[in-house]
Amino acid sequence: MAKKVTVIGGSGFVGTNLCRQFALKRQDFEIIDLKMSNQFPEKCKIADVRDAETLRRTITGDIVVNVAAVHRDDVRDKSEYQRTNVDGAENIAIVCEEKGIDKIVFTSTVAVYGFAEPGTDESGVINPFNEYGRTKFDAEEKLRSWQKQGENSLIIVRPTVIFGEGNRGNVFNLLNQIASGKFLMVGNGKNKKSMAYIGNIVAFLETCLATEQKYGLYNYTDTPDLTMNELFSQVRVTLKGKGGVGLRLPYWLGIILGYTADLVAKISGKNMPVSSIRVKKFASSTEFKSAKASLDNFQAPFLLSHGVERTLQNEFISPEPNREIFYTE
């Protein structure tokens, strides 16, 4: 790509990793974010997607990648989802139209499907169960309206849970619990969890930027999915030299313990490390299908198991003391 890329939300986990690849390949880019980029401060401009005027002052690229979002579950002011995710997307579209920018790559989420059936693909029913999923789909709609004007191009990516070196999200928490040796497998462990390794997400976003396709909608998940048995075993072999999953708790007993913890939490007013919801989520399958290979014959550079291995090596075996850590992704 010879064109300059504007990465909105580029100071976060996905944006930083994408910009790192740009820097290695000498691809011209700029970062627009609410906070300064730790790794690329000279490329970063402070702006707010909720304020179109700040975007007008700062965006100077030819292509826009929008990875900015409010997505944490603990956001107290629920209107922040609307203002950042939906109004922000609309502001970006307005400014792109004004500046003659005719291509946007947008990271959405599989949360737009809600509690989806295993195997849900891009044609899945939109049924979000939280404000994050709802507002990300509404943001898609704003951008689709923009794309239909003139000759604009839009690629929407709906990733499943993203993990990788430096990320302190749900996958890291699970790996850390397994590594501690104090976490028991609940159920038969045959359930699968769709995941996306950051190295592959970045490669796919680069493909989205380079494609001549005018419109595209893609789930992103790395395949083949690992069962919980396979994930547990890989962590134990890599970190402890032991195969298998260790001690296993029958699902029925795990649920009883979960409901007991719910009762204790209700009586005491204190949060418990275990709950019936957490047990149910752990033992359930979350599997998505993706048409990613149809985009210019995309091939992920890493197998999912390799992504897990690289993360384990970087986080637990040979951690880098000065590496940037991302807690909000």
Protein backbone atom coordinates (compact mmCIF):
# COMPACT_ATOMS: atom_id res chain seq x y z
CA MET A 1 0.00 0.00 0.00
CA ALA A 2 1.40 3.38 -0.98
CA LYS A 3 -1.43 5.33 0.60
CA LYS A 4 -1.31 6.75 4.13
CA VAL A 5 -3.43 4.84 6.66
CA THR A 6 -5.24 6.55 9.54
CA VAL A 7 -5.74 4.15 12.47
CA ILE A 8 -8.47 5.46 14.77
CA GLY A 9 -8.05 3.84 18.18
CA GLY A 10 -4.48 2.97 17.24
CA SER A 11 -3.08 3.27 20.78
CA GLY A 12 -4.90 0.11 21.90
CA PHE A 13 -3.91 -3.53 21.60
CA VAL A 14 -5.06 -4.25 18.05
CA GLY A 15 -4.11 -0.81 16.75
CA THR A 16 -0.62 -0.91 18.24
CA ASN A 17 0.10 -4.34 16.77
CA LEU A 18 -1.20 -3.22 13.37
CA CYS A 19 0.93 -0.07 13.47
CA ARG A 20 3.96 -2.11 14.46
CA GLN A 21 3.60 -4.03 11.21
CA PHE A 22 3.20 -0.79 9.30
CA ALA A 23 6.44 0.49 10.82
CA LEU A 24 8.31 -2.70 9.91
CA LYS A 25 7.06 -2.49 6.32
CA ARG A 26 7.64 1.29 6.08
CA GLN A 27 3.95 1.84 5.45
CA ASP A 28 2.94 5.45 6.08
CA PHE A 29 0.40 5.75 8.92
CA GLU A 30 -0.97 7.99 11.65
CA ILE A 31 -2.76 7.21 14.92
CA ILE A 32 -5.84 9.07 16.13
CA ASP A 33 -6.77 8.26 19.73
CA LEU A 34 -7.97 9.67 23.04
CA LYS A 35 -4.65 8.69 24.60
CA MET A 36 -1.09 9.02 23.37
CA SER A 37 0.47 5.94 21.78
CA ASN A 38 3.29 4.61 23.96
CA GLN A 39 5.08 2.99 21.03
CA PHE A 40 4.47 5.58 18.31
CA PRO A 41 4.06 8.99 20.02
CA GLU A 42 5.50 10.79 16.99
CA LYS A 43 2.71 9.31 14.84
CA CYS A 44 -0.14 9.99 17.27
CA LYS A 45 -2.66 12.83 17.40
CA ILE A 46 -5.17 13.25 20.20
CA ALA A 47 -8.81 13.36 19.09
CA ASP A 48 -12.21 12.03 20.11
CA VAL A 49 -14.55 10.15 17.74
CA ARG A 50 -17.45 11.68 19.69
CA ASP A 51 -16.33 15.11 18.45
CA ALA A 52 -16.35 15.39 14.65
CA GLU A 53 -14.40 18.65 14.73
CA THR A 54 -11.37 16.99 16.34
CA LEU A 55 -11.46 14.35 13.60
CA ARG A 56 -11.54 17.06 10.93
CA ARG A 57 -8.42 18.62 12.42
CA THR A 58 -6.43 15.42 12.78
CA ILE A 59 -7.28 12.94 10.00
CA THR A 60 -4.88 13.32 7.07
CA GLY A 61 -4.75 9.78 5.69
CA ASP A 62 -6.16 8.23 2.52
CA ILE A 63 -7.68 5.12 4.15
CA VAL A 64 -9.25 4.80 7.61
CA VAL A 65 -9.10 1.82 9.95
CA ASN A 66 -11.53 2.21 12.85
CA VAL A 67 -10.66 0.02 15.84
CA ALA A 68 -11.94 2.50 18.46
CA ALA A 69 -14.74 1.25 20.71
CA VAL A 70 -16.25 1.20 24.17
CA HIS A 71 -16.67 -2.47 24.97
CA ARG A 72 -15.95 -3.24 28.63
CA ASP A 73 -18.79 -4.81 30.63
CA ASP A 74 -18.24 -2.54 33.63
CA VAL A 75 -19.06 0.77 31.90
CA ARG A 76 -21.42 2.58 34.29
CA ASP A 77 -22.79 5.14 31.85
CA LYS A 78 -24.41 2.95 29.18
CA SER A 79 -24.85 5.95 26.89
CA GLU A 80 -21.08 5.86 26.33
CA TYR A 81 -21.59 2.82 24.06
CA GLN A 82 -23.92 4.88 21.86
CA ARG A 83 -21.76 7.99 21.80
CA THR A 84 -18.48 6.25 21.01
CA ASN A 85 -19.50 3.24 18.96
CA VAL A 86 -22.45 4.59 16.94
CA ASP A 87 -22.10 8.37 16.96
CA GLY A 88 -18.34 7.94 16.60
CA ALA A 89 -18.75 5.76 13.49
CA GLU A 90 -21.16 8.30 12.02
CA ASN A 91 -18.70 11.13 12.69
CA ILE A 92 -15.92 9.18 10.99
CA ALA A 93 -18.15 8.61 7.96
CA ILE A 94 -19.05 12.30 7.79
CA VAL A 95 -15.42 13.42 7.95
CA CYS A 96 -14.35 10.80 5.40
CA GLU A 97 -17.02 12.09 3.02
CA GLU A 98 -15.85 15.67 3.54
CA LYS A 99 -12.20 14.79 2.97
CA GLY A 100 -12.77 12.50 -0.01
CA ILE A 101 -11.60 9.38 1.85
CA ASP A 102 -13.34 6.51 0.10
CA LYS A 103 -12.28 3.44 2.08
CA ILE A 104 -12.93 2.37 5.70
CA VAL A 105 -11.96 -0.88 7.42
CA PHE A 106 -14.07 -1.36 10.54
CA THR A 107 -13.61 -3.85 13.36
CA SER A 108 -17.00 -4.89 14.70
CA THR A 109 -17.60 -8.02 16.83
CA VAL A 110 -19.32 -11.41 16.89
CA ALA A 111 -21.23 -10.01 19.89
CA VAL A 112 -23.75 -8.72 17.31
CA TYR A 113 -25.08 -12.31 17.14
CA GLY A 114 -25.67 -12.58 20.89
CA PHE A 115 -25.90 -16.13 22.22
CA ALA A 116 -25.25 -17.66 18.82
CA GLU A 117 -25.65 -21.27 17.80
CA PRO A 118 -22.35 -23.12 17.21
CA GLY A 119 -21.28 -22.70 13.61
CA THR A 120 -22.85 -19.26 13.12
CA ASP A 121 -21.45 -17.59 10.00
CA GLU A 122 -21.77 -14.12 8.53
CA SER A 123 -25.43 -14.72 7.68
CA GLY A 124 -26.28 -15.36 11.34
CA VAL A 125 -29.27 -13.68 12.98
CA ILE A 126 -28.42 -10.37 14.64
CA ASN A 127 -29.55 -10.73 18.25
CA PRO A 128 -27.18 -8.90 20.63
CA PHE A 129 -27.70 -9.33 24.38
CA ASN A 130 -25.73 -6.28 25.54
CA GLU A 131 -25.10 -2.65 24.61
CA TYR A 132 -21.72 -3.45 23.12
CA GLY A 133 -23.15 -5.85 20.55
CA ARG A 134 -26.13 -3.63 19.81
CA THR A 135 -24.12 -0.48 19.26
CA LYS A 136 -21.46 -2.19 17.15
CA PHE A 137 -24.16 -3.43 14.77
CA ASP A 138 -25.70 0.05 14.67
CA ALA A 139 -22.24 1.38 13.83
CA GLU A 140 -22.03 -1.11 10.96
CA GLU A 141 -25.33 0.24 9.66
CA LYS A 142 -24.03 3.83 9.76
CA LEU A 143 -20.99 2.80 7.76
CA ARG A 144 -23.03 0.73 5.29
CA SER A 145 -25.11 3.83 4.57
CA TRP A 146 -21.88 5.75 3.91
CA GLN A 147 -20.53 2.98 1.66
CA LYS A 148 -23.59 3.12 -0.60
CA GLN A 149 -22.84 6.75 -1.41
CA GLY A 150 -20.77 7.02 -4.56
CA GLU A 151 -17.82 4.63 -4.98
CA ASN A 152 -16.93 4.14 -1.31
CA SER A 153 -15.36 0.90 -0.05
CA LEU A 154 -16.10 -0.74 3.29
CA ILE A 155 -14.74 -3.93 4.85
CA ILE A 156 -16.29 -4.99 8.18
CA VAL A 157 -14.51 -7.53 10.38
CA ARG A 158 -16.34 -9.25 13.24
CA PRO A 159 -13.62 -10.88 15.37
CA THR A 160 -14.26 -13.36 18.13
CA VAL A 161 -12.26 -12.94 21.37
CA ILE A 162 -8.75 -11.68 20.54
CA PHE A 163 -5.66 -12.76 22.48
CA GLY A 164 -1.91 -12.49 22.22
CA GLU A 165 1.27 -11.21 23.79
CA GLY A 166 0.63 -8.29 26.12
CA ASN A 167 -3.16 -8.63 26.19
CA ARG A 168 -4.80 -8.99 29.60
CA GLY A 169 -8.25 -10.05 28.42
CA ASN A 170 -10.35 -13.14 29.02
CA VAL A 171 -8.06 -15.59 27.23
CA PHE A 172 -5.04 -14.49 29.26
CA ASN A 173 -7.07 -14.83 32.46
CA LEU A 174 -7.98 -18.39 31.50
CA LEU A 175 -4.38 -19.29 30.57
CA ASN A 176 -3.17 -17.76 33.83
CA GLN A 177 -5.70 -19.76 35.85
CA ILE A 178 -4.66 -23.00 34.15
CA ALA A 179 -0.99 -22.13 34.66
CA SER A 180 -1.60 -21.59 38.38
CA GLY A 181 -2.55 -25.26 38.77
CA LYS A 182 -5.52 -24.24 40.96
CA PHE A 183 -8.10 -24.27 38.16
CA LEU A 184 -10.11 -27.43 37.56
CA MET A 185 -11.60 -28.59 34.29
CA VAL A 186 -15.39 -28.53 34.59
CA GLY A 187 -17.37 -30.96 32.43
CA ASN A 188 -16.11 -33.27 29.70
CA GLY A 189 -13.96 -30.59 28.09
CA LYS A 190 -15.21 -31.32 24.58
CA ASN A 191 -16.71 -27.86 24.19
CA LYS A 192 -14.88 -25.46 21.87
CA LYS A 193 -14.15 -21.76 22.15
CA SER A 194 -13.52 -19.68 19.03
CA MET A 195 -10.49 -17.41 19.46
CA ALA A 196 -8.44 -15.07 17.29
CA TYR A 197 -4.66 -14.63 17.63
CA ILE A 198 -3.46 -11.05 17.29
CA GLY A 199 -0.84 -11.92 14.65
CA ASN A 200 -3.58 -13.31 12.42
CA ILE A 201 -5.96 -10.42 13.07
CA VAL A 202 -3.27 -7.97 11.98
CA ALA A 203 -2.56 -9.99 8.83
CA PHE A 204 -6.25 -10.05 7.97
CA LEU A 205 -6.63 -6.30 8.50
CA GLU A 206 -3.69 -5.76 6.16
CA THR A 207 -5.48 -7.89 3.57
CA CYS A 208 -8.64 -5.84 4.08
CA LEU A 209 -6.67 -2.67 3.44
CA ALA A 210 -5.05 -4.01 0.28
CA THR A 211 -8.12 -5.57 -1.35
CA GLU A 212 -9.91 -3.94 -4.26
CA GLN A 213 -13.22 -5.36 -3.01
CA LYS A 214 -15.86 -2.64 -2.57
CA TYR A 215 -17.75 -4.27 0.30
CA GLY A 216 -17.04 -7.21 2.56
CA LEU A 217 -18.33 -8.64 5.85
CA TYR A 218 -16.25 -11.27 7.62
CA ASN A 219 -16.32 -13.02 10.94
CA TYR A 220 -12.81 -13.63 12.16
CA THR A 221 -11.89 -16.76 14.07
CA ASP A 222 -8.80 -18.94 13.90
CA THR A 223 -9.37 -22.55 13.00
CA PRO A 224 -9.39 -25.34 13.79
CA ASP A 225 -11.01 -24.46 17.11
CA LEU A 226 -9.43 -26.04 20.17
CA THR A 227 -11.51 -28.02 22.62
CA MET A 228 -11.04 -27.10 26.26
CA ASN A 229 -9.29 -30.45 26.72
CA GLU A 230 -6.81 -29.55 23.98
CA LEU A 231 -6.24 -26.06 25.37
CA PHE A 232 -5.72 -27.31 28.94
CA SER A 233 -3.35 -30.00 27.72
CA GLN A 234 -1.27 -27.57 25.65
CA VAL A 235 -0.87 -25.18 28.57
CA ARG A 236 0.10 -27.99 30.96
CA VAL A 237 2.61 -29.53 28.54
CA THR A 238 4.21 -26.17 27.71
CA LEU A 239 4.43 -24.82 31.25
CA LYS A 240 4.59 -27.90 33.45
CA GLY A 241 5.70 -30.74 31.19
CA LYS A 242 2.54 -32.66 32.05
CA GLY A 243 -0.05 -33.96 29.62
CA GLY A 244 -3.79 -34.22 30.08
CA VAL A 245 -6.05 -31.83 31.95
CA GLY A 246 -5.39 -32.83 35.54
CA LEU A 247 -8.29 -33.10 37.96
CA ARG A 248 -11.74 -32.83 36.44
CA LEU A 249 -14.97 -31.68 38.09
CA PRO A 250 -18.25 -33.16 36.82
CA TYR A 251 -20.51 -30.49 35.32
CA TRP A 252 -23.36 -31.22 37.74
CA LEU A 253 -21.05 -30.69 40.71
CA GLY A 254 -19.61 -27.51 39.18
CA ILE A 255 -23.13 -26.09 38.77
CA ILE A 256 -24.01 -26.92 42.39
CA LEU A 257 -20.87 -25.11 43.54
CA GLY A 258 -21.73 -22.19 41.27
CA TYR A 259 -25.23 -21.79 42.71
CA THR A 260 -23.83 -22.14 46.22
CA ALA A 261 -21.39 -19.32 45.48
CA ASP A 262 -24.28 -17.23 44.09
CA LEU A 263 -26.12 -17.65 47.39
CA VAL A 264 -23.06 -16.76 49.45
CA ALA A 265 -22.49 -13.67 47.32
CA LYS A 266 -26.11 -12.59 47.73
CA ILE A 267 -26.03 -13.00 51.51
CA SER A 268 -22.59 -11.50 52.07
CA GLY A 269 -22.67 -8.84 49.36
CA LYS A 270 -19.20 -9.91 48.26
CA ASN A 271 -18.14 -11.03 44.78
CA MET A 272 -17.11 -14.67 44.55
CA PRO A 273 -14.49 -16.12 42.16
CA VAL A 274 -17.02 -18.77 41.09
CA SER A 275 -20.62 -18.34 39.96
CA SER A 276 -23.23 -20.41 38.13
CA ILE A 277 -22.95 -18.10 35.10
CA ARG A 278 -19.18 -18.57 34.93
CA VAL A 279 -19.54 -22.33 35.14
CA LYS A 280 -22.15 -22.34 32.36
CA LYS A 281 -20.03 -20.10 30.15
CA PHE A 282 -16.94 -22.20 30.71
CA ALA A 283 -18.67 -25.46 29.80
CA SER A 284 -20.51 -24.08 26.76
CA SER A 285 -19.28 -24.00 23.16
CA THR A 286 -18.71 -20.72 21.34
CA GLU A 287 -17.98 -21.55 17.72
CA PHE A 288 -18.16 -19.30 14.68
CA LYS A 289 -17.52 -19.89 11.01
CA SER A 290 -15.70 -17.38 8.86
CA ALA A 291 -15.51 -16.68 5.14
CA LYS A 292 -12.11 -15.01 5.60
CA ALA A 293 -10.39 -17.29 3.09
CA SER A 294 -12.60 -15.86 0.33
CA LEU A 295 -10.96 -12.45 0.71
CA ASP A 296 -8.08 -12.54 -1.79
CA ASN A 297 -7.32 -16.16 -0.76
CA PHE A 298 -6.28 -15.07 2.74
CA GLN A 299 -4.25 -17.60 4.71
CA ALA A 300 -3.57 -16.97 8.41
CA PRO A 301 0.18 -16.96 9.10
CA PHE A 302 -0.25 -18.78 12.43
CA LEU A 303 -2.21 -21.83 13.46
CA LEU A 304 -4.34 -21.23 16.57
CA SER A 305 -2.17 -23.66 18.55
CA HIS A 306 0.92 -21.71 17.47
CA GLY A 307 -0.68 -18.47 18.66
CA VAL A 308 -1.34 -20.06 22.04
CA GLU A 309 2.25 -21.35 22.17
CA ARG A 310 3.71 -17.93 21.33
CA THR A 311 1.53 -16.31 23.99
CA LEU A 312 2.54 -18.85 26.64
CA GLN A 313 6.23 -18.39 25.80
CA ASN A 314 5.97 -14.60 25.93
CA GLU A 315 3.77 -14.33 29.01
CA PHE A 316 4.97 -17.12 31.26
CA ILE A 317 8.33 -18.53 30.11
CA SER A 318 10.31 -15.58 28.73
CA PRO A 319 8.36 -12.41 29.54
CA GLU A 320 9.76 -9.08 28.39
CA PRO A 321 9.97 -6.77 31.45
CA ASN A 322 9.53 -3.54 29.45
CA ARG A 323 6.74 -4.72 27.17
CA GLU A 324 3.56 -2.66 27.00
CA ILE A 325 0.56 -4.33 28.67
CA PHE A 326 -3.01 -3.72 27.51
CA TYR A 327 -5.66 -4.16 30.22
CA THR A 328 -8.68 -2.77 28.41
CA GLU A 329 -8.99 -5.08 25.39
